[in-house]
Amino acid sequence: MAYHTVGAPVKGRAEFSHDWNGATWRFASAANRDAFAADPAKYAPQYGGYCAFGTSRGYKVGTDPAAFAVVDGKLYLNYNLPVQTTWNKDRPGYIAQADRIWVTLETTPYTTE
């Protein structure tokens, strides 16, 4: 939620949590939690929170909370800041490619190997 309102990641607190889509989400305030709960798809990161660049390449990889962008009201995360630099060179192209790939990648199990 803070990515959209503050423009930065903000550590959430356990007392402001909300369960959605198989995960517990933590927020910095009750107001942020309530806004998210009312419309989670509006605030949740794209591609299940996996790296937008990795998704565009056909694989799931974790993300660094500091490597983010809000594009047309949607939150995108990247593996790290150097990967984000690459992703920033063609955001529309990578987003279009990731959108196409995510349809099949979404159900693929995430592995760290």
PDB file of N, CA and C in Angstrom:
ATOM      1  N   MET A   1       0.828  -1.192   0.000  1.00  0.00           N
ATOM      2  CA  MET A   1       0.000   0.000   0.000  1.00  0.00           C
ATOM      3  C   MET A   1       0.870   1.253   0.000  1.00  0.00           C
ATOM      4  N   ALA A   2       1.941   1.238   0.800  1.00  0.00           N
ATOM      5  CA  ALA A   2       2.808   2.417   0.900  1.00  0.00           C
ATOM      6  C   ALA A   2       3.493   2.729  -0.419  1.00  0.00           C
ATOM      7  N   TYR A   3       3.734   1.717  -1.234  1.00  0.00           N
ATOM      8  CA  TYR A   3       4.323   1.978  -2.545  1.00  0.00           C
ATOM      9  C   TYR A   3       3.456   2.976  -3.321  1.00  0.00           C
ATOM     10  N   HIS A   4       2.156   2.847  -3.187  1.00  0.00           N
ATOM     11  CA  HIS A   4       1.207   3.701  -3.912  1.00  0.00           C
ATOM     12  C   HIS A   4       1.003   5.049  -3.236  1.00  0.00           C
ATOM     13  N   THR A   5       1.042   5.076  -1.912  1.00  0.00           N
ATOM     14  CA  THR A   5       0.704   6.312  -1.201  1.00  0.00           C
ATOM     15  C   THR A   5       1.922   7.125  -0.776  1.00  0.00           C
ATOM     16  N   VAL A   6       2.993   6.445  -0.381  1.00  0.00           N
ATOM     17  CA  VAL A   6       4.198   7.116   0.102  1.00  0.00           C
ATOM     18  C   VAL A   6       5.288   7.139  -0.970  1.00  0.00           C
ATOM     19  N   GLY A   7       5.226   6.177  -1.891  1.00  0.00           N
ATOM     20  CA  GLY A   7       6.252   6.065  -2.920  1.00  0.00           C
ATOM     21  C   GLY A   7       7.500   5.360  -2.430  1.00  0.00           C
ATOM     22  N   ALA A   8       7.327   4.524  -1.399  1.00  0.00           N
ATOM     23  CA  ALA A   8       8.456   3.787  -0.826  1.00  0.00           C
ATOM     24  C   ALA A   8       7.923   2.596  -0.046  1.00  0.00           C
ATOM     25  N   PRO A   9       8.747   1.568   0.114  1.00  0.00           N
ATOM     26  CA  PRO A   9       8.310   0.463   0.970  1.00  0.00           C
ATOM     27  C   PRO A   9       8.339   0.897   2.429  1.00  0.00           C
ATOM     28  N   VAL A  10       7.351   0.469   3.184  1.00  0.00           N
ATOM     29  CA  VAL A  10       7.264   0.759   4.613  1.00  0.00           C
ATOM     30  C   VAL A  10       6.969  -0.559   5.317  1.00  0.00           C
ATOM     31  N   LYS A  11       7.748  -0.888   6.323  1.00  0.00           N
ATOM     32  CA  LYS A  11       7.559  -2.140   7.040  1.00  0.00           C
ATOM     33  C   LYS A  11       6.214  -2.145   7.751  1.00  0.00           C
ATOM     34  N   GLY A  12       5.462  -3.222   7.530  1.00  0.00           N
ATOM     35  CA  GLY A  12       4.166  -3.359   8.165  1.00  0.00           C
ATOM     36  C   GLY A  12       4.267  -3.893   9.577  1.00  0.00           C
ATOM     37  N   ARG A  13       3.168  -3.794  10.286  1.00  0.00           N
ATOM     38  CA  ARG A  13       3.112  -4.234  11.676  1.00  0.00           C
ATOM     39  C   ARG A  13       2.075  -5.351  11.805  1.00  0.00           C
ATOM     40  N   ALA A  14       2.356  -6.298  12.675  1.00  0.00           N
ATOM     41  CA  ALA A  14       1.489  -7.469  12.845  1.00  0.00           C
ATOM     42  C   ALA A  14       0.052  -7.094  13.194  1.00  0.00           C
ATOM     43  N   GLU A  15      -0.126  -6.025  13.960  1.00  0.00           N
ATOM     44  CA  GLU A  15      -1.491  -5.663  14.355  1.00  0.00           C
ATOM     45  C   GLU A  15      -2.317  -5.096  13.198  1.00  0.00           C
ATOM     46  N   PHE A  16      -1.666  -4.777  12.106  1.00  0.00           N
ATOM     47  CA  PHE A  16      -2.379  -4.283  10.921  1.00  0.00           C
ATOM     48  C   PHE A  16      -2.227  -5.281   9.782  1.00  0.00           C
ATOM     49  N   SER A  17      -2.618  -6.516  10.018  1.00  0.00           N
ATOM     50  CA  SER A  17      -2.459  -7.556   8.999  1.00  0.00           C
ATOM     51  C   SER A  17      -3.791  -7.900   8.350  1.00  0.00           C
ATOM     52  N   HIS A  18      -3.682  -8.495   7.174  1.00  0.00           N
ATOM     53  CA  HIS A  18      -4.854  -8.922   6.410  1.00  0.00           C
ATOM     54  C   HIS A  18      -4.453 -10.159   5.614  1.00  0.00           C
ATOM     55  N   ASP A  19      -5.266 -11.200   5.679  1.00  0.00           N
ATOM     56  CA  ASP A  19      -5.011 -12.420   4.906  1.00  0.00           C
ATOM     57  C   ASP A  19      -5.688 -12.296   3.553  1.00  0.00           C
ATOM     58  N   TRP A  20      -4.889 -12.510   2.512  1.00  0.00           N
ATOM     59  CA  TRP A  20      -5.424 -12.453   1.145  1.00  0.00           C
ATOM     60  C   TRP A  20      -4.568 -13.305   0.228  1.00  0.00           C
ATOM     61  N   ASN A  21      -5.208 -14.071  -0.606  1.00  0.00           N
ATOM     62  CA  ASN A  21      -4.548 -14.831  -1.665  1.00  0.00           C
ATOM     63  C   ASN A  21      -3.467 -15.770  -1.103  1.00  0.00           C
ATOM     64  N   GLY A  22      -3.744 -16.375   0.045  1.00  0.00           N
ATOM     65  CA  GLY A  22      -2.832 -17.347   0.624  1.00  0.00           C
ATOM     66  C   GLY A  22      -1.657 -16.766   1.387  1.00  0.00           C
ATOM     67  N   ALA A  23      -1.678 -15.476   1.656  1.00  0.00           N
ATOM     68  CA  ALA A  23      -0.572 -14.837   2.377  1.00  0.00           C
ATOM     69  C   ALA A  23      -1.120 -13.853   3.403  1.00  0.00           C
ATOM     70  N   THR A  24      -0.320 -13.592   4.421  1.00  0.00           N
ATOM     71  CA  THR A  24      -0.655 -12.563   5.396  1.00  0.00           C
ATOM     72  C   THR A  24       0.104 -11.299   5.018  1.00  0.00           C
ATOM     73  N   TRP A  25      -0.631 -10.243   4.798  1.00  0.00           N
ATOM     74  CA  TRP A  25      -0.068  -8.953   4.395  1.00  0.00           C
ATOM     75  C   TRP A  25      -0.057  -8.036   5.614  1.00  0.00           C
ATOM     76  N   ARG A  26       1.050  -7.342   5.819  1.00  0.00           N
ATOM     77  CA  ARG A  26       1.169  -6.421   6.950  1.00  0.00           C
ATOM     78  C   ARG A  26       1.264  -4.986   6.449  1.00  0.00           C
ATOM     79  N   PHE A  27       0.667  -4.077   7.218  1.00  0.00           N
ATOM     80  CA  PHE A  27       0.584  -2.678   6.816  1.00  0.00           C
ATOM     81  C   PHE A  27       1.046  -1.773   7.947  1.00  0.00           C
ATOM     82  N   ALA A  28       1.401  -0.563   7.603  1.00  0.00           N
ATOM     83  CA  ALA A  28       1.897   0.401   8.583  1.00  0.00           C
ATOM     84  C   ALA A  28       0.764   1.041   9.388  1.00  0.00           C
ATOM     85  N   SER A  29      -0.450   0.950   8.879  1.00  0.00           N
ATOM     86  CA  SER A  29      -1.579   1.568   9.583  1.00  0.00           C
ATOM     87  C   SER A  29      -2.859   0.805   9.292  1.00  0.00           C
ATOM     88  N   ALA A  30      -3.854   1.019  10.137  1.00  0.00           N
ATOM     89  CA  ALA A  30      -5.165   0.409   9.920  1.00  0.00           C
ATOM     90  C   ALA A  30      -5.796   0.953   8.637  1.00  0.00           C
ATOM     91  N   ALA A  31      -5.583   2.226   8.358  1.00  0.00           N
ATOM     92  CA  ALA A  31      -6.147   2.819   7.139  1.00  0.00           C
ATOM     93  C   ALA A  31      -5.580   2.148   5.890  1.00  0.00           C
ATOM     94  N   ASN A  32      -4.278   1.884   5.887  1.00  0.00           N
ATOM     95  CA  ASN A  32      -3.673   1.207   4.733  1.00  0.00           C
ATOM     96  C   ASN A  32      -4.204  -0.214   4.601  1.00  0.00           C
ATOM     97  N   ARG A  33      -4.303  -0.912   5.725  1.00  0.00           N
ATOM     98  CA  ARG A  33      -4.848  -2.271   5.704  1.00  0.00           C
ATOM     99  C   ARG A  33      -6.265  -2.278   5.149  1.00  0.00           C
ATOM    100  N   ASP A  34      -7.083  -1.356   5.614  1.00  0.00           N
ATOM    101  CA  ASP A  34      -8.478  -1.323   5.192  1.00  0.00           C
ATOM    102  C   ASP A  34      -8.617  -0.981   3.715  1.00  0.00           C
ATOM    103  N   ALA A  35      -7.791  -0.071   3.221  1.00  0.00           N
ATOM    104  CA  ALA A  35      -7.827   0.263   1.792  1.00  0.00           C
ATOM    105  C   ALA A  35      -7.422  -0.949   0.959  1.00  0.00           C
ATOM    106  N   PHE A  36      -6.387  -1.650   1.394  1.00  0.00           N
ATOM    107  CA  PHE A  36      -5.956  -2.861   0.680  1.00  0.00           C
ATOM    108  C   PHE A  36      -7.058  -3.915   0.714  1.00  0.00           C
ATOM    109  N   ALA A  37      -7.635  -4.146   1.876  1.00  0.00           N
ATOM    110  CA  ALA A  37      -8.677  -5.163   2.020  1.00  0.00           C
ATOM    111  C   ALA A  37      -9.878  -4.877   1.125  1.00  0.00           C
ATOM    112  N   ALA A  38     -10.170  -3.608   0.895  1.00  0.00           N
ATOM    113  CA  ALA A  38     -11.298  -3.229   0.051  1.00  0.00           C
ATOM    114  C   ALA A  38     -11.039  -3.504  -1.425  1.00  0.00           C
ATOM    115  N   ASP A  39      -9.757  -3.496  -1.855  1.00  0.00           N
ATOM    116  CA  ASP A  39      -9.429  -3.704  -3.270  1.00  0.00           C
ATOM    117  C   ASP A  39      -7.992  -4.209  -3.408  1.00  0.00           C
ATOM    118  N   PRO A  40      -7.717  -5.435  -2.965  1.00  0.00           N
ATOM    119  CA  PRO A  40      -6.336  -5.929  -2.968  1.00  0.00           C
ATOM    120  C   PRO A  40      -5.684  -5.934  -4.346  1.00  0.00           C
ATOM    121  N   ALA A  41      -6.431  -6.256  -5.383  1.00  0.00           N
ATOM    122  CA  ALA A  41      -5.848  -6.317  -6.720  1.00  0.00           C
ATOM    123  C   ALA A  41      -5.313  -4.951  -7.171  1.00  0.00           C
ATOM    124  N   LYS A  42      -5.863  -3.889  -6.628  1.00  0.00           N
ATOM    125  CA  LYS A  42      -5.405  -2.547  -6.975  1.00  0.00           C
ATOM    126  C   LYS A  42      -4.007  -2.267  -6.412  1.00  0.00           C
ATOM    127  N   TYR A  43      -3.695  -2.839  -5.250  1.00  0.00           N
ATOM    128  CA  TYR A  43      -2.454  -2.504  -4.559  1.00  0.00           C
ATOM    129  C   TYR A  43      -1.394  -3.611  -4.566  1.00  0.00           C
ATOM    130  N   ALA A  44      -1.794  -4.841  -4.742  1.00  0.00           N
ATOM    131  CA  ALA A  44      -0.846  -5.955  -4.695  1.00  0.00           C
ATOM    132  C   ALA A  44       0.117  -5.886  -5.881  1.00  0.00           C
ATOM    133  N   PRO A  45       1.337  -6.367  -5.692  1.00  0.00           N
ATOM    134  CA  PRO A  45       2.289  -6.357  -6.807  1.00  0.00           C
ATOM    135  C   PRO A  45       1.851  -7.297  -7.924  1.00  0.00           C
ATOM    136  N   GLN A  46       2.204  -6.942  -9.114  1.00  0.00           N
ATOM    137  CA  GLN A  46       1.914  -7.764 -10.275  1.00  0.00           C
ATOM    138  C   GLN A  46       2.728  -9.061 -10.201  1.00  0.00           C
ATOM    139  N   TYR A  47       2.271 -10.067 -10.915  1.00  0.00           N
ATOM    140  CA  TYR A  47       2.979 -11.348 -11.056  1.00  0.00           C
ATOM    141  C   TYR A  47       3.222 -12.024  -9.710  1.00  0.00           C
ATOM    142  N   GLY A  48       2.247 -11.898  -8.815  1.00  0.00           N
ATOM    143  CA  GLY A  48       2.346 -12.570  -7.531  1.00  0.00           C
ATOM    144  C   GLY A  48       3.465 -12.073  -6.642  1.00  0.00           C
ATOM    145  N   GLY A  49       4.016 -10.910  -6.964  1.00  0.00           N
ATOM    146  CA  GLY A  49       5.122 -10.354  -6.183  1.00  0.00           C
ATOM    147  C   GLY A  49       6.485 -10.813  -6.658  1.00  0.00           C
ATOM    148  N   TYR A  50       6.527 -11.624  -7.700  1.00  0.00           N
ATOM    149  CA  TYR A  50       7.808 -12.053  -8.268  1.00  0.00           C
ATOM    150  C   TYR A  50       8.365 -10.955  -9.164  1.00  0.00           C
ATOM    151  N   CYS A  51       9.634 -11.060  -9.478  1.00  0.00           N
ATOM    152  CA  CYS A  51      10.333 -10.054 -10.281  1.00  0.00           C
ATOM    153  C   CYS A  51       9.684  -9.883 -11.653  1.00  0.00           C
ATOM    154  N   ALA A  52       9.368  -8.651 -11.992  1.00  0.00           N
ATOM    155  CA  ALA A  52       8.737  -8.352 -13.279  1.00  0.00           C
ATOM    156  C   ALA A  52       9.665  -8.683 -14.446  1.00  0.00           C
ATOM    157  N   PHE A  53      10.950  -8.436 -14.289  1.00  0.00           N
ATOM    158  CA  PHE A  53      11.900  -8.762 -15.352  1.00  0.00           C
ATOM    159  C   PHE A  53      12.019 -10.279 -15.496  1.00  0.00           C
ATOM    160  N   GLY A  54      12.164 -10.979 -14.376  1.00  0.00           N
ATOM    161  CA  GLY A  54      12.238 -12.436 -14.430  1.00  0.00           C
ATOM    162  C   GLY A  54      11.007 -13.040 -15.070  1.00  0.00           C
ATOM    163  N   THR A  55       9.842 -12.521 -14.718  1.00  0.00           N
ATOM    164  CA  THR A  55       8.604 -13.003 -15.313  1.00  0.00           C
ATOM    165  C   THR A  55       8.623 -12.805 -16.819  1.00  0.00           C
ATOM    166  N   SER A  56       9.137 -11.669 -17.273  1.00  0.00           N
ATOM    167  CA  SER A  56       9.201 -11.421 -18.719  1.00  0.00           C
ATOM    168  C   SER A  56      10.134 -12.396 -19.421  1.00  0.00           C
ATOM    169  N   ARG A  57      11.020 -13.023 -18.656  1.00  0.00           N
ATOM    170  CA  ARG A  57      11.969 -14.002 -19.198  1.00  0.00           C
ATOM    171  C   ARG A  57      11.505 -15.437 -18.976  1.00  0.00           C
ATOM    172  N   GLY A  58      10.350 -15.593 -18.299  1.00  0.00           N
ATOM    173  CA  GLY A  58       9.768 -16.916 -18.158  1.00  0.00           C
ATOM    174  C   GLY A  58      10.087 -17.657 -16.883  1.00  0.00           C
ATOM    175  N   TYR A  59      10.521 -16.965 -15.846  1.00  0.00           N
ATOM    176  CA  TYR A  59      10.795 -17.638 -14.577  1.00  0.00           C
ATOM    177  C   TYR A  59      10.418 -16.746 -13.406  1.00  0.00           C
ATOM    178  N   LYS A  60      10.198 -17.408 -12.266  1.00  0.00           N
ATOM    179  CA  LYS A  60       9.878 -16.707 -11.028  1.00  0.00           C
ATOM    180  C   LYS A  60      11.159 -16.519 -10.230  1.00  0.00           C
ATOM    181  N   VAL A  61      11.328 -15.332  -9.705  1.00  0.00           N
ATOM    182  CA  VAL A  61      12.464 -15.037  -8.836  1.00  0.00           C
ATOM    183  C   VAL A  61      12.005 -14.010  -7.802  1.00  0.00           C
ATOM    184  N   GLY A  62      12.606 -14.085  -6.617  1.00  0.00           N
ATOM    185  CA  GLY A  62      12.253 -13.173  -5.538  1.00  0.00           C
ATOM    186  C   GLY A  62      12.577 -11.729  -5.870  1.00  0.00           C
ATOM    187  N   THR A  63      12.280 -10.853  -4.932  1.00  0.00           N
ATOM    188  CA  THR A  63      12.431  -9.422  -5.181  1.00  0.00           C
ATOM    189  C   THR A  63      13.059  -8.700  -4.006  1.00  0.00           C
ATOM    190  N   ASP A  64      13.546  -7.513  -4.300  1.00  0.00           N
ATOM    191  CA  ASP A  64      14.069  -6.585  -3.302  1.00  0.00           C
ATOM    192  C   ASP A  64      13.014  -5.483  -3.147  1.00  0.00           C
ATOM    193  N   PRO A  65      12.484  -5.266  -1.947  1.00  0.00           N
ATOM    194  CA  PRO A  65      11.440  -4.249  -1.774  1.00  0.00           C
ATOM    195  C   PRO A  65      11.837  -2.859  -2.268  1.00  0.00           C
ATOM    196  N   ALA A  66      13.127  -2.560  -2.297  1.00  0.00           N
ATOM    197  CA  ALA A  66      13.579  -1.243  -2.755  1.00  0.00           C
ATOM    198  C   ALA A  66      13.576  -1.119  -4.277  1.00  0.00           C
ATOM    199  N   ALA A  67      13.502  -2.239  -4.980  1.00  0.00           N
ATOM    200  CA  ALA A  67      13.520  -2.228  -6.452  1.00  0.00           C
ATOM    201  C   ALA A  67      12.080  -2.330  -6.954  1.00  0.00           C
ATOM    202  N   PHE A  68      11.407  -1.204  -7.009  1.00  0.00           N
ATOM    203  CA  PHE A  68       9.991  -1.186  -7.362  1.00  0.00           C
ATOM    204  C   PHE A  68       9.673  -0.022  -8.286  1.00  0.00           C
ATOM    205  N   ALA A  69       8.532  -0.141  -8.928  1.00  0.00           N
ATOM    206  CA  ALA A  69       7.990   0.957  -9.723  1.00  0.00           C
ATOM    207  C   ALA A  69       6.475   0.820  -9.742  1.00  0.00           C
ATOM    208  N   VAL A  70       5.784   1.943  -9.688  1.00  0.00           N
ATOM    209  CA  VAL A  70       4.347   1.965  -9.891  1.00  0.00           C
ATOM    210  C   VAL A  70       4.133   2.554 -11.277  1.00  0.00           C
ATOM    211  N   VAL A  71       3.588   1.730 -12.163  1.00  0.00           N
ATOM    212  CA  VAL A  71       3.389   2.117 -13.566  1.00  0.00           C
ATOM    213  C   VAL A  71       1.897   2.009 -13.864  1.00  0.00           C
ATOM    214  N   ASP A  72       1.305   3.102 -14.272  1.00  0.00           N
ATOM    215  CA  ASP A  72      -0.130   3.140 -14.565  1.00  0.00           C
ATOM    216  C   ASP A  72      -0.955   2.565 -13.409  1.00  0.00           C
ATOM    217  N   GLY A  73      -0.548   2.900 -12.186  1.00  0.00           N
ATOM    218  CA  GLY A  73      -1.281   2.481 -11.001  1.00  0.00           C
ATOM    219  C   GLY A  73      -1.009   1.058 -10.546  1.00  0.00           C
ATOM    220  N   LYS A  74      -0.116   0.345 -11.232  1.00  0.00           N
ATOM    221  CA  LYS A  74       0.204  -1.038 -10.874  1.00  0.00           C
ATOM    222  C   LYS A  74       1.621  -1.112 -10.308  1.00  0.00           C
ATOM    223  N   LEU A  75       1.768  -1.951  -9.279  1.00  0.00           N
ATOM    224  CA  LEU A  75       3.053  -2.117  -8.616  1.00  0.00           C
ATOM    225  C   LEU A  75       3.842  -3.266  -9.245  1.00  0.00           C
ATOM    226  N   TYR A  76       5.090  -2.977  -9.605  1.00  0.00           N
ATOM    227  CA  TYR A  76       6.005  -3.973 -10.154  1.00  0.00           C
ATOM    228  C   TYR A  76       7.248  -4.012  -9.278  1.00  0.00           C
ATOM    229  N   LEU A  77       7.697  -5.226  -8.953  1.00  0.00           N
ATOM    230  CA  LEU A  77       8.909  -5.418  -8.165  1.00  0.00           C
ATOM    231  C   LEU A  77       9.978  -6.070  -9.027  1.00  0.00           C
ATOM    232  N   ASN A  78      11.230  -5.837  -8.684  1.00  0.00           N
ATOM    233  CA  ASN A  78      12.353  -6.456  -9.391  1.00  0.00           C
ATOM    234  C   ASN A  78      13.282  -7.152  -8.406  1.00  0.00           C
ATOM    235  N   TYR A  79      14.092  -8.029  -8.938  1.00  0.00           N
ATOM    236  CA  TYR A  79      15.024  -8.832  -8.146  1.00  0.00           C
ATOM    237  C   TYR A  79      15.964  -7.965  -7.315  1.00  0.00           C
ATOM    238  N   ASN A  80      16.525  -6.943  -7.951  1.00  0.00           N
ATOM    239  CA  ASN A  80      17.413  -6.003  -7.259  1.00  0.00           C
ATOM    240  C   ASN A  80      17.505  -4.729  -8.088  1.00  0.00           C
ATOM    241  N   LEU A  81      18.251  -3.757  -7.613  1.00  0.00           N
ATOM    242  CA  LEU A  81      18.333  -2.471  -8.323  1.00  0.00           C
ATOM    243  C   LEU A  81      19.037  -2.583  -9.674  1.00  0.00           C
ATOM    244  N   PRO A  82      20.122  -3.369  -9.818  1.00  0.00           N
ATOM    245  CA  PRO A  82      20.713  -3.517 -11.164  1.00  0.00           C
ATOM    246  C   PRO A  82      19.739  -4.143 -12.174  1.00  0.00           C
ATOM    247  N   VAL A  83      18.971  -5.146 -11.751  1.00  0.00           N
ATOM    248  CA  VAL A  83      17.974  -5.740 -12.655  1.00  0.00           C
ATOM    249  C   VAL A  83      16.913  -4.703 -12.994  1.00  0.00           C
ATOM    250  N   GLN A  84      16.533  -3.900 -12.018  1.00  0.00           N
ATOM    251  CA  GLN A  84      15.544  -2.861 -12.278  1.00  0.00           C
ATOM    252  C   GLN A  84      16.067  -1.861 -13.314  1.00  0.00           C
ATOM    253  N   THR A  85      17.341  -1.556 -13.279  1.00  0.00           N
ATOM    254  CA  THR A  85      17.927  -0.654 -14.271  1.00  0.00           C
ATOM    255  C   THR A  85      17.719  -1.209 -15.674  1.00  0.00           C
ATOM    256  N   THR A  86      17.924  -2.500 -15.841  1.00  0.00           N
ATOM    257  CA  THR A  86      17.680  -3.136 -17.143  1.00  0.00           C
ATOM    258  C   THR A  86      16.201  -3.068 -17.485  1.00  0.00           C
ATOM    259  N   TRP A  87      15.343  -3.419 -16.537  1.00  0.00           N
ATOM    260  CA  TRP A  87      13.902  -3.415 -16.761  1.00  0.00           C
ATOM    261  C   TRP A  87      13.403  -2.015 -17.130  1.00  0.00           C
ATOM    262  N   ASN A  88      13.985  -0.991 -16.519  1.00  0.00           N
ATOM    263  CA  ASN A  88      13.572   0.393 -16.798  1.00  0.00           C
ATOM    264  C   ASN A  88      13.851   0.821 -18.232  1.00  0.00           C
ATOM    265  N   LYS A  89      14.773   0.158 -18.909  1.00  0.00           N
ATOM    266  CA  LYS A  89      15.115   0.534 -20.287  1.00  0.00           C
ATOM    267  C   LYS A  89      13.977   0.286 -21.265  1.00  0.00           C
ATOM    268  N   ASP A  90      13.072  -0.642 -20.918  1.00  0.00           N
ATOM    269  CA  ASP A  90      11.920  -0.916 -21.786  1.00  0.00           C
ATOM    270  C   ASP A  90      10.752  -1.431 -20.948  1.00  0.00           C
ATOM    271  N   ARG A  91      10.317  -0.635 -19.997  1.00  0.00           N
ATOM    272  CA  ARG A  91       9.215  -1.068 -19.138  1.00  0.00           C
ATOM    273  C   ARG A  91       8.012  -1.567 -19.927  1.00  0.00           C
ATOM    274  N   PRO A  92       7.510  -0.793 -20.910  1.00  0.00           N
ATOM    275  CA  PRO A  92       6.321  -1.265 -21.629  1.00  0.00           C
ATOM    276  C   PRO A  92       6.543  -2.619 -22.311  1.00  0.00           C
ATOM    277  N   GLY A  93       7.700  -2.813 -22.900  1.00  0.00           N
ATOM    278  CA  GLY A  93       7.991  -4.081 -23.575  1.00  0.00           C
ATOM    279  C   GLY A  93       8.074  -5.236 -22.601  1.00  0.00           C
ATOM    280  N   TYR A  94       8.775  -5.037 -21.486  1.00  0.00           N
ATOM    281  CA  TYR A  94       8.894  -6.098 -20.487  1.00  0.00           C
ATOM    282  C   TYR A  94       7.551  -6.397 -19.831  1.00  0.00           C
ATOM    283  N   ILE A  95       6.756  -5.374 -19.579  1.00  0.00           N
ATOM    284  CA  ILE A  95       5.437  -5.586 -18.984  1.00  0.00           C
ATOM    285  C   ILE A  95       4.545  -6.373 -19.942  1.00  0.00           C
ATOM    286  N   ALA A  96       4.526  -6.001 -21.198  1.00  0.00           N
ATOM    287  CA  ALA A  96       3.704  -6.719 -22.183  1.00  0.00           C
ATOM    288  C   ALA A  96       4.128  -8.181 -22.274  1.00  0.00           C
ATOM    289  N   GLN A  97       5.425  -8.416 -22.302  1.00  0.00           N
ATOM    290  CA  GLN A  97       5.928  -9.783 -22.387  1.00  0.00           C
ATOM    291  C   GLN A  97       5.587 -10.561 -21.113  1.00  0.00           C
ATOM    292  N   ALA A  98       5.781  -9.952 -19.952  1.00  0.00           N
ATOM    293  CA  ALA A  98       5.471 -10.619 -18.686  1.00  0.00           C
ATOM    294  C   ALA A  98       3.974 -10.906 -18.572  1.00  0.00           C
ATOM    295  N   ASP A  99       3.135  -9.980 -19.016  1.00  0.00           N
ATOM    296  CA  ASP A  99       1.690 -10.203 -18.980  1.00  0.00           C
ATOM    297  C   ASP A  99       1.317 -11.452 -19.787  1.00  0.00           C
ATOM    298  N   ARG A 100       1.933 -11.621 -20.951  1.00  0.00           N
ATOM    299  CA  ARG A 100       1.659 -12.804 -21.792  1.00  0.00           C
ATOM    300  C   ARG A 100       2.145 -14.079 -21.111  1.00  0.00           C
ATOM    301  N   ILE A 101       3.333 -14.033 -20.539  1.00  0.00           N
ATOM    302  CA  ILE A 101       3.947 -15.223 -19.942  1.00  0.00           C
ATOM    303  C   ILE A 101       3.287 -15.594 -18.612  1.00  0.00           C
ATOM    304  N   TRP A 102       2.863 -14.613 -17.829  1.00  0.00           N
ATOM    305  CA  TRP A 102       2.326 -14.871 -16.499  1.00  0.00           C
ATOM    306  C   TRP A 102       1.120 -15.807 -16.539  1.00  0.00           C
ATOM    307  N   VAL A 103       0.358 -15.772 -17.605  1.00  0.00           N
ATOM    308  CA  VAL A 103      -0.833 -16.615 -17.735  1.00  0.00           C
ATOM    309  C   VAL A 103      -0.480 -18.087 -17.500  1.00  0.00           C
ATOM    310  N   THR A 104       0.654 -18.537 -17.998  1.00  0.00           N
ATOM    311  CA  THR A 104       1.072 -19.925 -17.798  1.00  0.00           C
ATOM    312  C   THR A 104       2.050 -20.070 -16.637  1.00  0.00           C
ATOM    313  N   LEU A 105       2.832 -19.069 -16.363  1.00  0.00           N
ATOM    314  CA  LEU A 105       3.837 -19.140 -15.306  1.00  0.00           C
ATOM    315  C   LEU A 105       3.219 -19.092 -13.913  1.00  0.00           C
ATOM    316  N   GLU A 106       2.071 -18.466 -13.794  1.00  0.00           N
ATOM    317  CA  GLU A 106       1.441 -18.258 -12.486  1.00  0.00           C
ATOM    318  C   GLU A 106       1.293 -19.555 -11.699  1.00  0.00           C
ATOM    319  N   THR A 107       0.928 -20.640 -12.340  1.00  0.00           N
ATOM    320  CA  THR A 107       0.697 -21.903 -11.641  1.00  0.00           C
ATOM    321  C   THR A 107       1.961 -22.756 -11.502  1.00  0.00           C
ATOM    322  N   THR A 108       3.069 -22.305 -12.053  1.00  0.00           N
ATOM    323  CA  THR A 108       4.330 -23.025 -11.932  1.00  0.00           C
ATOM    324  C   THR A 108       4.880 -22.835 -10.518  1.00  0.00           C
ATOM    325  N   PRO A 109       5.249 -23.933  -9.853  1.00  0.00           N
ATOM    326  CA  PRO A 109       5.797 -23.782  -8.492  1.00  0.00           C
ATOM    327  C   PRO A 109       7.073 -22.938  -8.483  1.00  0.00           C
ATOM    328  N   TYR A 110       7.220 -22.191  -7.426  1.00  0.00           N
ATOM    329  CA  TYR A 110       8.440 -21.376  -7.236  1.00  0.00           C
ATOM    330  C   TYR A 110       9.499 -22.238  -6.559  1.00  0.00           C
ATOM    331  N   THR A 111      10.679 -22.255  -7.131  1.00  0.00           N
ATOM    332  CA  THR A 111      11.788 -22.966  -6.515  1.00  0.00           C
ATOM    333  C   THR A 111      12.969 -22.005  -6.406  1.00  0.00           C
ATOM    334  N   THR A 112      13.797 -22.232  -5.423  1.00  0.00           N
ATOM    335  CA  THR A 112      14.967 -21.363  -5.221  1.00  0.00           C
ATOM    336  C   THR A 112      16.226 -21.974  -5.804  1.00  0.00           C
ATOM    337  N   GLU A 113      16.097 -23.082  -6.496  1.00  0.00           N
ATOM    338  CA  GLU A 113      17.275 -23.747  -7.085  1.00  0.00           C
ATOM    339  C   GLU A 113      17.599 -23.197  -8.438  1.00  0.00           C
TER     340      GLU A 113
END
